[in-house]
Amino acid sequence: MAQQYDLLGEYYVALDSKGRFRLPSGLLKELGDRDTLKFVVNRGFDHSLTLYPKPVWEQIKAEVDALNKFNQKNLRFTRLFYRGATELVPDSADRLLLPKQLLAWARTDKNLVLNAMNDRIEIWAEAEYEALFSEEMDDYSTLAEEVLGGSSHGTTDPA
């Protein structure tokens, strides 16, 4: 069975001139053994990047690889999923070097936000991230009702 993660938190980091950022110590603690730490980064949704711990990537990759490639939607999705995917290993200073083409696609500048979500980390340009949530906060309670309203969690106030 693959390693389980319970990543949580919002981390503001800065890119250096080479396109590297330092993994925050809080995330490093949650990720485990630094000596074996590997990731895969690729395009996420809404012009974000997704950073997967390698064991999580392997699980998702297996699901994608099992899709019937004779189905055109499956083939298109597979191409998009793998587009730009790059293995990353932290350097001795716990920095990750993001590929230039992915940085450009994510509309990044110097400031990034790492949004840890259970078993993966979204990487956002800070301006894009802040804009996303400034628009979405108004309908958060409506969205919570639509998504969780019929579940057993529906009585819990998400705010």
C-alpha atoms as a PDB file:
ATOM      1  CA  MET A   1       0.000   0.000   0.000  1.00  0.00           C
ATOM      2  CA  ALA A   2       1.242   3.477  -0.867  1.00  0.00           C
ATOM      3  CA  GLN A   3       2.224   5.984   1.780  1.00  0.00           C
ATOM      4  CA  GLN A   4      -0.689   8.047   3.131  1.00  0.00           C
ATOM      5  CA  TYR A   5      -0.492  11.814   3.414  1.00  0.00           C
ATOM      6  CA  ASP A   6      -2.534  14.323   5.359  1.00  0.00           C
ATOM      7  CA  LEU A   7      -1.093  17.583   4.057  1.00  0.00           C
ATOM      8  CA  LEU A   8      -2.662  20.769   5.287  1.00  0.00           C
ATOM      9  CA  GLY A   9      -1.883  24.455   5.139  1.00  0.00           C
ATOM     10  CA  GLU A  10      -1.407  27.511   3.019  1.00  0.00           C
ATOM     11  CA  TYR A  11       2.200  28.607   2.548  1.00  0.00           C
ATOM     12  CA  TYR A  12       3.479  31.783   0.912  1.00  0.00           C
ATOM     13  CA  VAL A  13       6.890  31.320  -0.692  1.00  0.00           C
ATOM     14  CA  ALA A  14       9.098  33.252  -3.086  1.00  0.00           C
ATOM     15  CA  LEU A  15      10.797  32.070  -6.255  1.00  0.00           C
ATOM     16  CA  ASP A  16      14.462  32.883  -6.637  1.00  0.00           C
ATOM     17  CA  SER A  17      15.984  34.046  -9.936  1.00  0.00           C
ATOM     18  CA  LYS A  18      16.463  30.424 -11.080  1.00  0.00           C
ATOM     19  CA  GLY A  19      12.830  29.417 -10.507  1.00  0.00           C
ATOM     20  CA  ARG A  20      13.360  27.638  -7.187  1.00  0.00           C
ATOM     21  CA  PHE A  21      11.394  27.852  -3.968  1.00  0.00           C
ATOM     22  CA  ARG A  22      12.139  26.414  -0.558  1.00  0.00           C
ATOM     23  CA  LEU A  23       9.730  23.859   0.840  1.00  0.00           C
ATOM     24  CA  PRO A  24       8.356  25.257   4.117  1.00  0.00           C
ATOM     25  CA  SER A  25       9.434  23.382   7.231  1.00  0.00           C
ATOM     26  CA  GLY A  26       5.806  22.659   8.176  1.00  0.00           C
ATOM     27  CA  LEU A  27       5.254  20.834   4.894  1.00  0.00           C
ATOM     28  CA  LEU A  28       8.568  19.024   5.122  1.00  0.00           C
ATOM     29  CA  LYS A  29       7.572  17.689   8.535  1.00  0.00           C
ATOM     30  CA  GLU A  30       4.316  16.319   7.122  1.00  0.00           C
ATOM     31  CA  LEU A  31       6.007  14.787   4.058  1.00  0.00           C
ATOM     32  CA  GLY A  32       8.377  12.563   6.012  1.00  0.00           C
ATOM     33  CA  ASP A  33      11.890  11.335   5.239  1.00  0.00           C
ATOM     34  CA  ARG A  34      13.798  14.069   3.399  1.00  0.00           C
ATOM     35  CA  ASP A  35      16.370  11.610   2.081  1.00  0.00           C
ATOM     36  CA  THR A  36      13.819   9.776  -0.073  1.00  0.00           C
ATOM     37  CA  LEU A  37      11.574  12.726  -0.916  1.00  0.00           C
ATOM     38  CA  LYS A  38      10.608  12.925  -4.605  1.00  0.00           C
ATOM     39  CA  PHE A  39       7.786  14.736  -6.362  1.00  0.00           C
ATOM     40  CA  VAL A  40       6.162  15.068  -9.745  1.00  0.00           C
ATOM     41  CA  VAL A  41       4.799  18.446 -10.808  1.00  0.00           C
ATOM     42  CA  ASN A  42       2.429  19.048 -13.687  1.00  0.00           C
ATOM     43  CA  ARG A  43      -0.303  21.372 -14.856  1.00  0.00           C
ATOM     44  CA  GLY A  44      -3.260  21.522 -12.521  1.00  0.00           C
ATOM     45  CA  PHE A  45      -6.561  23.263 -13.019  1.00  0.00           C
ATOM     46  CA  ASP A  46      -7.267  26.993 -13.352  1.00  0.00           C
ATOM     47  CA  HIS A  47      -3.646  27.832 -14.207  1.00  0.00           C
ATOM     48  CA  SER A  48      -2.233  26.265 -11.077  1.00  0.00           C
ATOM     49  CA  LEU A  49       0.410  23.560 -10.864  1.00  0.00           C
ATOM     50  CA  THR A  50      -0.007  20.360  -8.888  1.00  0.00           C
ATOM     51  CA  LEU A  51       2.876  18.930  -6.893  1.00  0.00           C
ATOM     52  CA  TYR A  52       2.406  15.249  -6.085  1.00  0.00           C
ATOM     53  CA  PRO A  53       4.552  13.252  -3.681  1.00  0.00           C
ATOM     54  CA  LYS A  54       5.954  10.465  -5.889  1.00  0.00           C
ATOM     55  CA  PRO A  55       3.863   7.648  -4.302  1.00  0.00           C
ATOM     56  CA  VAL A  56       0.661   9.625  -4.929  1.00  0.00           C
ATOM     57  CA  TRP A  57       1.741  10.333  -8.514  1.00  0.00           C
ATOM     58  CA  GLU A  58       2.293   6.621  -9.087  1.00  0.00           C
ATOM     59  CA  GLN A  59      -1.267   5.824  -7.919  1.00  0.00           C
ATOM     60  CA  ILE A  60      -2.862   8.469 -10.147  1.00  0.00           C
ATOM     61  CA  LYS A  61      -0.584   7.584 -13.064  1.00  0.00           C
ATOM     62  CA  ALA A  62      -1.753   3.954 -12.830  1.00  0.00           C
ATOM     63  CA  GLU A  63      -5.383   5.088 -13.133  1.00  0.00           C
ATOM     64  CA  VAL A  64      -4.601   7.292 -16.133  1.00  0.00           C
ATOM     65  CA  ASP A  65      -2.505   4.587 -17.792  1.00  0.00           C
ATOM     66  CA  ALA A  66      -5.411   2.139 -17.459  1.00  0.00           C
ATOM     67  CA  LEU A  67      -7.699   4.330 -19.580  1.00  0.00           C
ATOM     68  CA  ASN A  68      -8.598   3.019 -23.033  1.00  0.00           C
ATOM     69  CA  LYS A  69      -6.482   5.140 -25.389  1.00  0.00           C
ATOM     70  CA  PHE A  70      -8.737   4.236 -28.341  1.00  0.00           C
ATOM     71  CA  ASN A  71     -11.366   6.470 -26.751  1.00  0.00           C
ATOM     72  CA  GLN A  72     -10.569  10.011 -27.986  1.00  0.00           C
ATOM     73  CA  LYS A  73     -11.553  11.748 -24.722  1.00  0.00           C
ATOM     74  CA  ASN A  74      -9.338   9.387 -22.756  1.00  0.00           C
ATOM     75  CA  LEU A  75      -6.445   9.964 -25.140  1.00  0.00           C
ATOM     76  CA  ARG A  76      -6.868  13.729 -24.992  1.00  0.00           C
ATOM     77  CA  PHE A  77      -7.037  13.670 -21.188  1.00  0.00           C
ATOM     78  CA  THR A  78      -3.940  11.469 -20.979  1.00  0.00           C
ATOM     79  CA  ARG A  79      -1.983  13.857 -23.198  1.00  0.00           C
ATOM     80  CA  LEU A  80      -3.052  16.844 -21.131  1.00  0.00           C
ATOM     81  CA  PHE A  81      -2.328  15.026 -17.873  1.00  0.00           C
ATOM     82  CA  TYR A  82       1.231  14.155 -18.861  1.00  0.00           C
ATOM     83  CA  ARG A  83       1.954  17.481 -20.567  1.00  0.00           C
ATOM     84  CA  GLY A  84       4.867  19.053 -18.731  1.00  0.00           C
ATOM     85  CA  ALA A  85       4.973  16.438 -15.967  1.00  0.00           C
ATOM     86  CA  THR A  86       8.421  16.589 -14.399  1.00  0.00           C
ATOM     87  CA  GLU A  87      10.054  14.683 -11.560  1.00  0.00           C
ATOM     88  CA  LEU A  88      11.548  16.926  -8.894  1.00  0.00           C
ATOM     89  CA  VAL A  89      13.948  16.157  -6.061  1.00  0.00           C
ATOM     90  CA  PRO A  90      14.677  18.755  -3.385  1.00  0.00           C
ATOM     91  CA  ASP A  91      18.255  20.005  -3.291  1.00  0.00           C
ATOM     92  CA  SER A  92      20.348  20.133  -0.104  1.00  0.00           C
ATOM     93  CA  ALA A  93      18.612  23.400   0.891  1.00  0.00           C
ATOM     94  CA  ASP A  94      15.121  21.848   0.461  1.00  0.00           C
ATOM     95  CA  ARG A  95      14.464  23.831  -2.726  1.00  0.00           C
ATOM     96  CA  LEU A  96      12.542  22.645  -5.768  1.00  0.00           C
ATOM     97  CA  LEU A  97      13.321  23.928  -9.261  1.00  0.00           C
ATOM     98  CA  LEU A  98      10.147  24.411 -11.291  1.00  0.00           C
ATOM     99  CA  PRO A  99      10.369  24.081 -15.097  1.00  0.00           C
ATOM    100  CA  LYS A 100      10.156  27.405 -16.932  1.00  0.00           C
ATOM    101  CA  GLN A 101       7.313  26.272 -19.218  1.00  0.00           C
ATOM    102  CA  LEU A 102       5.189  25.317 -16.216  1.00  0.00           C
ATOM    103  CA  LEU A 103       5.951  28.599 -14.451  1.00  0.00           C
ATOM    104  CA  ALA A 104       4.860  30.483 -17.566  1.00  0.00           C
ATOM    105  CA  TRP A 105       1.664  28.429 -17.881  1.00  0.00           C
ATOM    106  CA  ALA A 106       0.813  29.114 -14.225  1.00  0.00           C
ATOM    107  CA  ARG A 107       1.282  32.868 -14.809  1.00  0.00           C
ATOM    108  CA  THR A 108       3.745  33.080 -11.956  1.00  0.00           C
ATOM    109  CA  ASP A 109       5.882  35.928 -10.836  1.00  0.00           C
ATOM    110  CA  LYS A 110       8.094  35.955  -7.755  1.00  0.00           C
ATOM    111  CA  ASN A 111       5.393  35.150  -5.182  1.00  0.00           C
ATOM    112  CA  LEU A 112       3.724  31.750  -4.942  1.00  0.00           C
ATOM    113  CA  VAL A 113       1.152  30.154  -2.690  1.00  0.00           C
ATOM    114  CA  LEU A 114       1.383  26.455  -1.844  1.00  0.00           C
ATOM    115  CA  ASN A 115      -2.074  25.126  -1.003  1.00  0.00           C
ATOM    116  CA  ALA A 116      -1.690  21.720   0.653  1.00  0.00           C
ATOM    117  CA  MET A 117      -4.719  19.514   0.049  1.00  0.00           C
ATOM    118  CA  ASN A 118      -4.497  16.092   1.668  1.00  0.00           C
ATOM    119  CA  ASP A 119      -2.191  14.170  -0.705  1.00  0.00           C
ATOM    120  CA  ARG A 120      -1.085  16.932  -3.094  1.00  0.00           C
ATOM    121  CA  ILE A 121      -0.018  20.548  -3.156  1.00  0.00           C
ATOM    122  CA  GLU A 122      -1.386  23.143  -5.527  1.00  0.00           C
ATOM    123  CA  ILE A 123       1.103  25.813  -6.583  1.00  0.00           C
ATOM    124  CA  TRP A 124      -0.398  29.176  -7.493  1.00  0.00           C
ATOM    125  CA  ALA A 125       0.860  32.571  -8.527  1.00  0.00           C
ATOM    126  CA  GLU A 126      -0.106  34.632  -5.478  1.00  0.00           C
ATOM    127  CA  ALA A 127      -2.160  37.107  -7.531  1.00  0.00           C
ATOM    128  CA  GLU A 128      -4.105  34.281  -9.259  1.00  0.00           C
ATOM    129  CA  TYR A 129      -4.749  32.558  -5.922  1.00  0.00           C
ATOM    130  CA  GLU A 130      -5.990  35.703  -4.214  1.00  0.00           C
ATOM    131  CA  ALA A 131      -8.221  36.551  -7.208  1.00  0.00           C
ATOM    132  CA  LEU A 132      -9.699  33.037  -7.210  1.00  0.00           C
ATOM    133  CA  PHE A 133     -10.759  33.267  -3.602  1.00  0.00           C
ATOM    134  CA  SER A 134     -11.930  36.868  -3.695  1.00  0.00           C
ATOM    135  CA  GLU A 135     -14.502  35.797  -6.282  1.00  0.00           C
ATOM    136  CA  GLU A 136     -15.468  32.503  -4.658  1.00  0.00           C
ATOM    137  CA  MET A 137     -15.884  33.521  -1.026  1.00  0.00           C
ATOM    138  CA  ASP A 138     -19.259  35.153  -1.702  1.00  0.00           C
ATOM    139  CA  ASP A 139     -20.819  31.846  -2.688  1.00  0.00           C
ATOM    140  CA  TYR A 140     -18.947  29.597  -0.210  1.00  0.00           C
ATOM    141  CA  SER A 141     -22.021  28.828   1.899  1.00  0.00           C
ATOM    142  CA  THR A 142     -24.106  28.074  -1.211  1.00  0.00           C
ATOM    143  CA  LEU A 143     -21.368  25.803  -2.540  1.00  0.00           C
ATOM    144  CA  ALA A 144     -21.075  24.034   0.833  1.00  0.00           C
ATOM    145  CA  GLU A 145     -24.811  23.395   0.814  1.00  0.00           C
ATOM    146  CA  GLU A 146     -24.692  22.008  -2.738  1.00  0.00           C
ATOM    147  CA  VAL A 147     -21.661  19.805  -2.112  1.00  0.00           C
ATOM    148  CA  LEU A 148     -22.231  18.687   1.491  1.00  0.00           C
ATOM    149  CA  GLY A 149     -25.915  19.452   2.051  1.00  0.00           C
ATOM    150  CA  GLY A 150     -27.084  15.912   1.369  1.00  0.00           C
ATOM    151  CA  SER A 151     -24.223  14.178   3.175  1.00  0.00           C
ATOM    152  CA  SER A 152     -23.899  13.149   6.788  1.00  0.00           C
ATOM    153  CA  HIS A 153     -21.551  16.133   7.144  1.00  0.00           C
ATOM    154  CA  GLY A 154     -24.343  18.534   6.178  1.00  0.00           C
ATOM    155  CA  THR A 155     -24.928  19.618   9.777  1.00  0.00           C
ATOM    156  CA  THR A 156     -21.367  20.827  10.212  1.00  0.00           C
ATOM    157  CA  ASP A 157     -20.734  24.540   9.687  1.00  0.00           C
ATOM    158  CA  PRO A 158     -17.767  24.697   7.243  1.00  0.00           C
ATOM    159  CA  ALA A 159     -16.878  28.296   8.110  1.00  0.00           C
END
